[in-house]
């Protein structure tokens, strides 16, 4: 999950996604918490309701995943908005769903928007969840960091990289060993390493000019994960209520191996942070 992420069943396709405002209560239906953090299992009723809203099928339930391994459906965010369900036909929610509405769900205490249903390379159902807002009740009282902040009302904001003078589009910066590491790489971004609590190394400063081969960047290295992070249960295996075993990575999603801006949108270039394998299409770097 990265701002968005995928649970086991979870994933992401580039299809139009509608944002919902904090005061919006009509453009989506809401599913209650699907994860029992205390006991460490999914709430079957809420999970069944989620599947019913996503598919528009009142007869489907969570046990279909257990008995069949997969419900065998793929739906984009546009497909999900096209589903409808009459009131009183889900396991835990009485609300109806009409055409045009998105589906939101509480997972791990945070509110997410469902943007895609598909299967991973092993045939498991996965759903991509996009964090519905940077304002969350779970964020209230959480600590800020060097380059991200959480307000008293639960508003989370973060820089992509560390350092106020570091821009995200320096392409030719080198580390102290002479290896080129663009500042726009997600793998070495502050938001991945610290804000989202993955740990590791992030680019914290850079000397030189934009696209200057003499530029040198500095890494802040070996940043540990924080068990008190608001995202700890999504990134750490050994914290209470951890859900990491139910999350999938891009390598477990077949289409993400080659997907890129050239094949999806007709852009002439390939970009960092796209395909994890060899990009498809006819773009250039």
C-alpha atoms as a PDB file:
ATOM      1  CA  UNK A   1       0.000   0.000   0.000  1.00  0.00           C
ATOM      2  CA  UNK A   2       1.426   3.203  -0.635  1.00  0.00           C
ATOM      3  CA  UNK A   3      -0.899   6.002  -0.312  1.00  0.00           C
ATOM      4  CA  UNK A   4      -2.212   3.063  -1.905  1.00  0.00           C
ATOM      5  CA  UNK A   5      -1.556  -0.671  -1.585  1.00  0.00           C
ATOM      6  CA  UNK A   6      -2.834  -4.162  -2.074  1.00  0.00           C
ATOM      7  CA  UNK A   7      -4.164  -6.739   0.426  1.00  0.00           C
ATOM      8  CA  UNK A   8      -4.532 -10.429  -0.133  1.00  0.00           C
ATOM      9  CA  UNK A   9      -6.686 -10.046  -1.688  1.00  0.00           C
ATOM     10  CA  UNK A  10      -5.260  -6.157  -2.770  1.00  0.00           C
ATOM     11  CA  UNK A  11      -3.682  -4.148  -6.107  1.00  0.00           C
ATOM     12  CA  UNK A  12      -3.729  -1.120  -8.547  1.00  0.00           C
ATOM     13  CA  UNK A  13      -4.664  -0.354 -12.113  1.00  0.00           C
ATOM     14  CA  UNK A  14      -4.362   3.027 -13.800  1.00  0.00           C
ATOM     15  CA  UNK A  15      -8.013   3.812 -14.215  1.00  0.00           C
ATOM     16  CA  UNK A  16      -9.812   7.017 -13.375  1.00  0.00           C
ATOM     17  CA  UNK A  17     -10.078   7.460  -9.615  1.00  0.00           C
ATOM     18  CA  UNK A  18     -12.375  10.039  -8.078  1.00  0.00           C
ATOM     19  CA  UNK A  19     -11.160  11.818  -4.954  1.00  0.00           C
ATOM     20  CA  UNK A  20     -13.597  12.273  -2.085  1.00  0.00           C
ATOM     21  CA  UNK A  21     -13.534  15.325   0.141  1.00  0.00           C
ATOM     22  CA  UNK A  22     -13.580  15.083   3.920  1.00  0.00           C
ATOM     23  CA  UNK A  23     -17.111  16.522   4.033  1.00  0.00           C
ATOM     24  CA  UNK A  24     -18.402  14.232   1.282  1.00  0.00           C
ATOM     25  CA  UNK A  25     -20.845  11.594   2.528  1.00  0.00           C
ATOM     26  CA  UNK A  26     -22.879  10.837  -0.593  1.00  0.00           C
ATOM     27  CA  UNK A  27     -20.474   9.846  -3.405  1.00  0.00           C
ATOM     28  CA  UNK A  28     -19.487   6.581  -1.718  1.00  0.00           C
ATOM     29  CA  UNK A  29     -20.786   3.779   0.480  1.00  0.00           C
ATOM     30  CA  UNK A  30     -18.821   2.944   3.615  1.00  0.00           C
ATOM     31  CA  UNK A  31     -17.906  -0.518   4.888  1.00  0.00           C
ATOM     32  CA  UNK A  32     -17.058  -0.987   8.564  1.00  0.00           C
ATOM     33  CA  UNK A  33     -13.640  -2.136   9.839  1.00  0.00           C
ATOM     34  CA  UNK A  34     -12.683  -5.402   8.124  1.00  0.00           C
ATOM     35  CA  UNK A  35      -9.720  -6.223  10.387  1.00  0.00           C
ATOM     36  CA  UNK A  36      -9.920  -7.436  13.990  1.00  0.00           C
ATOM     37  CA  UNK A  37      -6.648  -6.048  15.325  1.00  0.00           C
ATOM     38  CA  UNK A  38      -7.033  -7.689  18.746  1.00  0.00           C
ATOM     39  CA  UNK A  39      -7.643 -11.209  17.471  1.00  0.00           C
ATOM     40  CA  UNK A  40      -5.659 -10.926  14.238  1.00  0.00           C
ATOM     41  CA  UNK A  41      -8.237 -11.957  11.649  1.00  0.00           C
ATOM     42  CA  UNK A  42     -10.623 -10.446   9.097  1.00  0.00           C
ATOM     43  CA  UNK A  43     -14.195  -9.732  10.119  1.00  0.00           C
ATOM     44  CA  UNK A  44     -16.152 -12.052   7.849  1.00  0.00           C
ATOM     45  CA  UNK A  45     -19.353 -10.013   7.787  1.00  0.00           C
ATOM     46  CA  UNK A  46     -17.681  -6.731   6.894  1.00  0.00           C
ATOM     47  CA  UNK A  47     -15.463  -8.477   4.338  1.00  0.00           C
ATOM     48  CA  UNK A  48     -18.546 -10.018   2.734  1.00  0.00           C
ATOM     49  CA  UNK A  49     -20.220  -6.595   2.576  1.00  0.00           C
ATOM     50  CA  UNK A  50     -17.136  -5.185   0.883  1.00  0.00           C
ATOM     51  CA  UNK A  51     -17.242  -7.899  -1.783  1.00  0.00           C
ATOM     52  CA  UNK A  52     -20.964  -7.368  -2.327  1.00  0.00           C
ATOM     53  CA  UNK A  53     -20.556  -3.635  -2.912  1.00  0.00           C
ATOM     54  CA  UNK A  54     -17.541  -4.125  -5.199  1.00  0.00           C
ATOM     55  CA  UNK A  55     -19.217  -6.762  -7.364  1.00  0.00           C
ATOM     56  CA  UNK A  56     -22.867  -5.708  -7.044  1.00  0.00           C
ATOM     57  CA  UNK A  57     -23.681  -9.334  -6.161  1.00  0.00           C
ATOM     58  CA  UNK A  58     -25.729  -9.757  -2.982  1.00  0.00           C
ATOM     59  CA  UNK A  59     -25.112 -13.537  -2.941  1.00  0.00           C
ATOM     60  CA  UNK A  60     -21.320 -13.372  -2.711  1.00  0.00           C
ATOM     61  CA  UNK A  61     -19.540 -13.639   0.643  1.00  0.00           C
ATOM     62  CA  UNK A  62     -16.097 -14.010   2.150  1.00  0.00           C
ATOM     63  CA  UNK A  63     -16.380 -17.793   2.355  1.00  0.00           C
ATOM     64  CA  UNK A  64     -16.329 -17.911  -1.460  1.00  0.00           C
ATOM     65  CA  UNK A  65     -12.661 -16.897  -1.282  1.00  0.00           C
ATOM     66  CA  UNK A  66     -11.959 -19.642   1.263  1.00  0.00           C
ATOM     67  CA  UNK A  67     -13.797 -22.410  -0.603  1.00  0.00           C
ATOM     68  CA  UNK A  68     -12.962 -21.416  -4.190  1.00  0.00           C
ATOM     69  CA  UNK A  69      -9.623 -19.666  -3.699  1.00  0.00           C
ATOM     70  CA  UNK A  70     -10.842 -16.753  -5.825  1.00  0.00           C
ATOM     71  CA  UNK A  71     -14.089 -15.175  -6.954  1.00  0.00           C
ATOM     72  CA  UNK A  72     -12.389 -14.777 -10.347  1.00  0.00           C
ATOM     73  CA  UNK A  73     -13.481 -11.230 -11.117  1.00  0.00           C
ATOM     74  CA  UNK A  74     -11.559  -8.138 -12.239  1.00  0.00           C
ATOM     75  CA  UNK A  75     -13.022  -4.685 -11.730  1.00  0.00           C
ATOM     76  CA  UNK A  76     -11.497  -1.244 -12.248  1.00  0.00           C
ATOM     77  CA  UNK A  77     -12.562   1.796 -10.244  1.00  0.00           C
ATOM     78  CA  UNK A  78     -14.940   2.692 -13.084  1.00  0.00           C
ATOM     79  CA  UNK A  79     -16.478  -0.801 -12.939  1.00  0.00           C
ATOM     80  CA  UNK A  80     -16.924  -0.490  -9.181  1.00  0.00           C
ATOM     81  CA  UNK A  81     -18.767   2.811  -9.603  1.00  0.00           C
ATOM     82  CA  UNK A  82     -21.091   1.090 -12.073  1.00  0.00           C
ATOM     83  CA  UNK A  83     -22.267  -1.530  -9.547  1.00  0.00           C
ATOM     84  CA  UNK A  84     -25.465  -1.107  -7.578  1.00  0.00           C
ATOM     85  CA  UNK A  85     -27.065  -2.906  -4.650  1.00  0.00           C
ATOM     86  CA  UNK A  86     -30.420  -2.429  -2.962  1.00  0.00           C
ATOM     87  CA  UNK A  87     -30.555  -1.489   0.723  1.00  0.00           C
ATOM     88  CA  UNK A  88     -30.531  -4.300   3.268  1.00  0.00           C
ATOM     89  CA  UNK A  89     -28.747  -6.807   1.031  1.00  0.00           C
ATOM     90  CA  UNK A  90     -25.282  -6.810   2.612  1.00  0.00           C
ATOM     91  CA  UNK A  91     -24.090  -8.610   5.721  1.00  0.00           C
ATOM     92  CA  UNK A  92     -23.198  -5.645   7.916  1.00  0.00           C
ATOM     93  CA  UNK A  93     -24.371  -2.511   6.102  1.00  0.00           C
ATOM     94  CA  UNK A  94     -27.946  -1.402   5.461  1.00  0.00           C
ATOM     95  CA  UNK A  95     -27.035   1.254   2.900  1.00  0.00           C
ATOM     96  CA  UNK A  96     -27.853   0.860  -0.752  1.00  0.00           C
ATOM     97  CA  UNK A  97     -25.230   1.494  -3.432  1.00  0.00           C
ATOM     98  CA  UNK A  98     -26.232   3.381  -6.553  1.00  0.00           C
ATOM     99  CA  UNK A  99     -24.405   3.762  -9.857  1.00  0.00           C
ATOM    100  CA  UNK A 100     -21.722   6.419  -9.585  1.00  0.00           C
ATOM    101  CA  UNK A 101     -20.781   5.739  -5.993  1.00  0.00           C
ATOM    102  CA  UNK A 102     -17.316   4.600  -4.923  1.00  0.00           C
ATOM    103  CA  UNK A 103     -16.697   2.087  -2.143  1.00  0.00           C
ATOM    104  CA  UNK A 104     -14.730   3.012   0.972  1.00  0.00           C
ATOM    105  CA  UNK A 105     -13.663   0.692   3.766  1.00  0.00           C
ATOM    106  CA  UNK A 106     -12.005   0.964   7.161  1.00  0.00           C
ATOM    107  CA  UNK A 107      -8.902  -1.235   7.345  1.00  0.00           C
ATOM    108  CA  UNK A 108      -6.447  -1.065  10.217  1.00  0.00           C
ATOM    109  CA  UNK A 109      -8.226   1.987  11.593  1.00  0.00           C
ATOM    110  CA  UNK A 110      -7.685   4.009   8.393  1.00  0.00           C
ATOM    111  CA  UNK A 111     -10.256   4.825   5.712  1.00  0.00           C
ATOM    112  CA  UNK A 112      -9.448   3.598   2.192  1.00  0.00           C
ATOM    113  CA  UNK A 113     -11.067   3.840  -1.227  1.00  0.00           C
ATOM    114  CA  UNK A 114     -11.321   0.636  -3.268  1.00  0.00           C
ATOM    115  CA  UNK A 115      -9.918   1.220  -6.761  1.00  0.00           C
ATOM    116  CA  UNK A 116      -9.350  -2.240  -8.233  1.00  0.00           C
ATOM    117  CA  UNK A 117     -10.155  -5.929  -7.845  1.00  0.00           C
ATOM    118  CA  UNK A 118      -8.022  -8.546  -9.585  1.00  0.00           C
ATOM    119  CA  UNK A 119      -5.836 -11.589  -8.841  1.00  0.00           C
ATOM    120  CA  UNK A 120      -2.146 -11.976  -8.042  1.00  0.00           C
ATOM    121  CA  UNK A 121       0.205 -14.369  -9.873  1.00  0.00           C
ATOM    122  CA  UNK A 122      -0.921 -17.178  -7.567  1.00  0.00           C
ATOM    123  CA  UNK A 123      -4.618 -16.676  -8.317  1.00  0.00           C
ATOM    124  CA  UNK A 124      -5.492 -15.000  -5.011  1.00  0.00           C
ATOM    125  CA  UNK A 125      -8.045 -12.188  -5.071  1.00  0.00           C
ATOM    126  CA  UNK A 126      -6.400  -8.847  -4.349  1.00  0.00           C
ATOM    127  CA  UNK A 127      -7.908  -5.389  -3.959  1.00  0.00           C
ATOM    128  CA  UNK A 128      -6.066  -2.086  -4.310  1.00  0.00           C
ATOM    129  CA  UNK A 129      -6.861   0.390  -1.571  1.00  0.00           C
ATOM    130  CA  UNK A 130      -6.107   4.109  -1.928  1.00  0.00           C
ATOM    131  CA  UNK A 131      -5.926   6.128   1.291  1.00  0.00           C
ATOM    132  CA  UNK A 132      -9.123   8.177   1.095  1.00  0.00           C
ATOM    133  CA  UNK A 133      -7.691  11.278   2.763  1.00  0.00           C
ATOM    134  CA  UNK A 134      -4.618  12.592   4.564  1.00  0.00           C
ATOM    135  CA  UNK A 135      -6.977  13.484   7.415  1.00  0.00           C
ATOM    136  CA  UNK A 136      -7.615  10.433   9.606  1.00  0.00           C
ATOM    137  CA  UNK A 137      -8.801   9.936  13.195  1.00  0.00           C
ATOM    138  CA  UNK A 138      -5.955   7.454  13.694  1.00  0.00           C
ATOM    139  CA  UNK A 139      -3.431  10.212  12.957  1.00  0.00           C
ATOM    140  CA  UNK A 140      -4.561  12.379  15.915  1.00  0.00           C
ATOM    141  CA  UNK A 141      -1.860  12.449  18.571  1.00  0.00           C
ATOM    142  CA  UNK A 142       0.793  10.794  16.373  1.00  0.00           C
ATOM    143  CA  UNK A 143       4.324  12.195  16.246  1.00  0.00           C
ATOM    144  CA  UNK A 144       5.735  14.265  13.395  1.00  0.00           C
ATOM    145  CA  UNK A 145       9.166  13.756  11.823  1.00  0.00           C
ATOM    146  CA  UNK A 146      12.000  15.746  10.279  1.00  0.00           C
ATOM    147  CA  UNK A 147      10.180  16.272   6.968  1.00  0.00           C
ATOM    148  CA  UNK A 148       6.592  15.259   7.702  1.00  0.00           C
ATOM    149  CA  UNK A 149       4.055  16.597  10.149  1.00  0.00           C
ATOM    150  CA  UNK A 150       0.821  15.451  11.770  1.00  0.00           C
ATOM    151  CA  UNK A 151      -1.412  18.173  13.145  1.00  0.00           C
ATOM    152  CA  UNK A 152      -3.488  17.977  16.323  1.00  0.00           C
ATOM    153  CA  UNK A 153      -6.564  17.414  14.146  1.00  0.00           C
ATOM    154  CA  UNK A 154      -4.998  14.440  12.328  1.00  0.00           C
ATOM    155  CA  UNK A 155      -3.784  16.070   9.109  1.00  0.00           C
ATOM    156  CA  UNK A 156      -0.692  14.331   7.683  1.00  0.00           C
ATOM    157  CA  UNK A 157       1.606  16.180   5.269  1.00  0.00           C
ATOM    158  CA  UNK A 158       5.014  15.055   4.018  1.00  0.00           C
ATOM    159  CA  UNK A 159       7.858  16.069   1.722  1.00  0.00           C
ATOM    160  CA  UNK A 160       8.852  13.581  -0.968  1.00  0.00           C
ATOM    161  CA  UNK A 161      12.548  13.946  -0.169  1.00  0.00           C
ATOM    162  CA  UNK A 162      14.477  15.291   2.766  1.00  0.00           C
ATOM    163  CA  UNK A 163      15.813  18.847   2.885  1.00  0.00           C
ATOM    164  CA  UNK A 164      14.061  22.062   1.946  1.00  0.00           C
ATOM    165  CA  UNK A 165      16.395  22.763  -1.012  1.00  0.00           C
ATOM    166  CA  UNK A 166      16.182  19.290  -2.529  1.00  0.00           C
ATOM    167  CA  UNK A 167      14.013  19.062  -5.622  1.00  0.00           C
ATOM    168  CA  UNK A 168      12.370  15.871  -6.860  1.00  0.00           C
ATOM    169  CA  UNK A 169      13.496  16.105 -10.492  1.00  0.00           C
ATOM    170  CA  UNK A 170      17.298  16.058 -10.259  1.00  0.00           C
ATOM    171  CA  UNK A 171      18.149  13.153 -12.564  1.00  0.00           C
ATOM    172  CA  UNK A 172      21.935  12.948 -12.675  1.00  0.00           C
ATOM    173  CA  UNK A 173      22.872  13.294  -9.022  1.00  0.00           C
ATOM    174  CA  UNK A 174      25.457  10.778  -7.813  1.00  0.00           C
ATOM    175  CA  UNK A 175      26.162   9.244  -4.469  1.00  0.00           C
ATOM    176  CA  UNK A 176      29.642   9.355  -2.962  1.00  0.00           C
ATOM    177  CA  UNK A 177      30.555   6.182  -4.889  1.00  0.00           C
ATOM    178  CA  UNK A 178      29.692   7.802  -8.222  1.00  0.00           C
ATOM    179  CA  UNK A 179      26.431   5.872  -8.758  1.00  0.00           C
ATOM    180  CA  UNK A 180      23.656   7.914 -10.372  1.00  0.00           C
ATOM    181  CA  UNK A 181      20.547   7.936  -8.185  1.00  0.00           C
ATOM    182  CA  UNK A 182      17.752  10.278  -9.364  1.00  0.00           C
ATOM    183  CA  UNK A 183      16.084  12.180  -6.551  1.00  0.00           C
ATOM    184  CA  UNK A 184      12.666  11.161  -7.866  1.00  0.00           C
ATOM    185  CA  UNK A 185      13.202   7.451  -7.146  1.00  0.00           C
ATOM    186  CA  UNK A 186      10.553   6.197  -4.732  1.00  0.00           C
ATOM    187  CA  UNK A 187      12.970   3.622  -3.300  1.00  0.00           C
ATOM    188  CA  UNK A 188      15.175   6.364  -1.796  1.00  0.00           C
ATOM    189  CA  UNK A 189      12.456   8.901  -0.975  1.00  0.00           C
ATOM    190  CA  UNK A 190      11.815  10.237   2.510  1.00  0.00           C
ATOM    191  CA  UNK A 191       8.101   9.564   2.163  1.00  0.00           C
ATOM    192  CA  UNK A 192       8.746   5.833   1.625  1.00  0.00           C
ATOM    193  CA  UNK A 193      11.497   5.374   4.184  1.00  0.00           C
ATOM    194  CA  UNK A 194      10.219   7.528   7.060  1.00  0.00           C
ATOM    195  CA  UNK A 195       6.649   8.772   6.537  1.00  0.00           C
ATOM    196  CA  UNK A 196       5.316   5.385   5.429  1.00  0.00           C
ATOM    197  CA  UNK A 197       7.694   3.583   7.830  1.00  0.00           C
ATOM    198  CA  UNK A 198       9.490   1.201   5.470  1.00  0.00           C
ATOM    199  CA  UNK A 199      12.933   2.064   6.821  1.00  0.00           C
ATOM    200  CA  UNK A 200      16.174   2.126   4.815  1.00  0.00           C
ATOM    201  CA  UNK A 201      18.062   4.944   3.057  1.00  0.00           C
ATOM    202  CA  UNK A 202      16.710   8.248   1.732  1.00  0.00           C
ATOM    203  CA  UNK A 203      18.228  11.187  -0.135  1.00  0.00           C
ATOM    204  CA  UNK A 204      18.595  13.993   2.374  1.00  0.00           C
ATOM    205  CA  UNK A 205      20.620  16.606   0.491  1.00  0.00           C
ATOM    206  CA  UNK A 206      22.163  17.392  -2.899  1.00  0.00           C
ATOM    207  CA  UNK A 207      24.868  19.706  -4.173  1.00  0.00           C
ATOM    208  CA  UNK A 208      25.113  21.047  -7.709  1.00  0.00           C
ATOM    209  CA  UNK A 209      22.541  22.005 -10.299  1.00  0.00           C
ATOM    210  CA  UNK A 210      19.605  20.327 -11.977  1.00  0.00           C
ATOM    211  CA  UNK A 211      20.692  17.601 -14.421  1.00  0.00           C
ATOM    212  CA  UNK A 212      24.329  18.373 -13.644  1.00  0.00           C
ATOM    213  CA  UNK A 213      26.577  15.312 -13.828  1.00  0.00           C
ATOM    214  CA  UNK A 214      28.811  16.856 -11.172  1.00  0.00           C
ATOM    215  CA  UNK A 215      25.980  16.909  -8.652  1.00  0.00           C
ATOM    216  CA  UNK A 216      26.437  14.785  -5.546  1.00  0.00           C
ATOM    217  CA  UNK A 217      23.660  13.645  -3.258  1.00  0.00           C
ATOM    218  CA  UNK A 218      23.822  12.571   0.361  1.00  0.00           C
ATOM    219  CA  UNK A 219      21.982   9.580   1.779  1.00  0.00           C
ATOM    220  CA  UNK A 220      20.651   9.330   5.303  1.00  0.00           C
ATOM    221  CA  UNK A 221      21.252   5.620   5.810  1.00  0.00           C
ATOM    222  CA  UNK A 222      19.884   2.723   7.806  1.00  0.00           C
ATOM    223  CA  UNK A 223      16.805   4.526   9.104  1.00  0.00           C
ATOM    224  CA  UNK A 224      14.991   2.032  11.361  1.00  0.00           C
ATOM    225  CA  UNK A 225      11.281   1.365  11.275  1.00  0.00           C
ATOM    226  CA  UNK A 226       9.232   2.879  14.082  1.00  0.00           C
ATOM    227  CA  UNK A 227       6.746   0.711  15.941  1.00  0.00           C
ATOM    228  CA  UNK A 228       4.869   3.877  16.958  1.00  0.00           C
ATOM    229  CA  UNK A 229       4.300   4.977  13.354  1.00  0.00           C
ATOM    230  CA  UNK A 230       0.691   5.298  12.200  1.00  0.00           C
ATOM    231  CA  UNK A 231       1.636   2.856   9.429  1.00  0.00           C
ATOM    232  CA  UNK A 232       3.509   0.332  11.628  1.00  0.00           C
ATOM    233  CA  UNK A 233       0.871  -2.397  11.345  1.00  0.00           C
ATOM    234  CA  UNK A 234       1.143  -2.189   7.545  1.00  0.00           C
ATOM    235  CA  UNK A 235       4.961  -2.327   7.423  1.00  0.00           C
ATOM    236  CA  UNK A 236       6.204  -4.310  10.436  1.00  0.00           C
ATOM    237  CA  UNK A 237       5.716  -8.012  11.064  1.00  0.00           C
ATOM    238  CA  UNK A 238       6.257  -7.959  14.821  1.00  0.00           C
ATOM    239  CA  UNK A 239       3.819  -5.292  16.020  1.00  0.00           C
ATOM    240  CA  UNK A 240       0.378  -5.939  17.478  1.00  0.00           C
ATOM    241  CA  UNK A 241      -2.296  -6.308  14.806  1.00  0.00           C
ATOM    242  CA  UNK A 242       0.207  -6.532  11.928  1.00  0.00           C
ATOM    243  CA  UNK A 243      -1.374  -7.135   8.499  1.00  0.00           C
ATOM    244  CA  UNK A 244       1.843  -7.468   6.490  1.00  0.00           C
ATOM    245  CA  UNK A 245       1.201 -11.121   5.614  1.00  0.00           C
ATOM    246  CA  UNK A 246      -1.917 -10.033   3.716  1.00  0.00           C
ATOM    247  CA  UNK A 247      -0.231  -7.348   1.626  1.00  0.00           C
ATOM    248  CA  UNK A 248       1.200  -8.018  -1.833  1.00  0.00           C
ATOM    249  CA  UNK A 249       4.083  -6.341  -3.662  1.00  0.00           C
ATOM    250  CA  UNK A 250       4.296  -5.388  -7.361  1.00  0.00           C
ATOM    251  CA  UNK A 251       6.290  -8.588  -8.046  1.00  0.00           C
ATOM    252  CA  UNK A 252       3.186 -10.561  -7.148  1.00  0.00           C
ATOM    253  CA  UNK A 253       1.054  -8.687  -9.698  1.00  0.00           C
ATOM    254  CA  UNK A 254       1.705  -9.790 -13.277  1.00  0.00           C
ATOM    255  CA  UNK A 255       0.731  -6.656 -15.220  1.00  0.00           C
ATOM    256  CA  UNK A 256       2.969  -4.436 -13.084  1.00  0.00           C
ATOM    257  CA  UNK A 257       6.047  -6.150 -14.531  1.00  0.00           C
ATOM    258  CA  UNK A 258       5.787  -4.248 -17.836  1.00  0.00           C
ATOM    259  CA  UNK A 259       3.212  -1.478 -17.250  1.00  0.00           C
ATOM    260  CA  UNK A 260       4.455   2.057 -17.917  1.00  0.00           C
ATOM    261  CA  UNK A 261       3.446   5.533 -19.127  1.00  0.00           C
ATOM    262  CA  UNK A 262       4.297   4.664 -22.750  1.00  0.00           C
ATOM    263  CA  UNK A 263       1.861   1.756 -23.011  1.00  0.00           C
ATOM    264  CA  UNK A 264      -0.797   3.255 -20.722  1.00  0.00           C
ATOM    265  CA  UNK A 265      -0.876   6.865 -21.870  1.00  0.00           C
ATOM    266  CA  UNK A 266       1.207   7.039 -25.048  1.00  0.00           C
ATOM    267  CA  UNK A 267       4.042   9.009 -23.432  1.00  0.00           C
ATOM    268  CA  UNK A 268       7.249   8.879 -25.465  1.00  0.00           C
ATOM    269  CA  UNK A 269       9.414   8.184 -22.407  1.00  0.00           C
ATOM    270  CA  UNK A 270       9.817   5.546 -19.747  1.00  0.00           C
ATOM    271  CA  UNK A 271      10.095   6.845 -16.186  1.00  0.00           C
ATOM    272  CA  UNK A 272      11.490   5.611 -12.853  1.00  0.00           C
ATOM    273  CA  UNK A 273       9.080   3.875 -10.472  1.00  0.00           C
ATOM    274  CA  UNK A 274       7.097   2.185 -13.267  1.00  0.00           C
ATOM    275  CA  UNK A 275       7.582  -1.426 -14.409  1.00  0.00           C
ATOM    276  CA  UNK A 276       9.580  -3.629 -12.050  1.00  0.00           C
ATOM    277  CA  UNK A 277      10.696  -5.691 -15.069  1.00  0.00           C
ATOM    278  CA  UNK A 278      11.403  -4.677 -18.673  1.00  0.00           C
ATOM    279  CA  UNK A 279       8.903  -1.971 -19.712  1.00  0.00           C
ATOM    280  CA  UNK A 280       6.612  -2.805 -22.598  1.00  0.00           C
ATOM    281  CA  UNK A 281       6.015  -0.518 -25.561  1.00  0.00           C
ATOM    282  CA  UNK A 282       8.428   1.601 -27.591  1.00  0.00           C
ATOM    283  CA  UNK A 283       9.433   4.361 -25.181  1.00  0.00           C
ATOM    284  CA  UNK A 284      12.928   5.572 -24.391  1.00  0.00           C
ATOM    285  CA  UNK A 285      14.664   6.602 -21.174  1.00  0.00           C
END
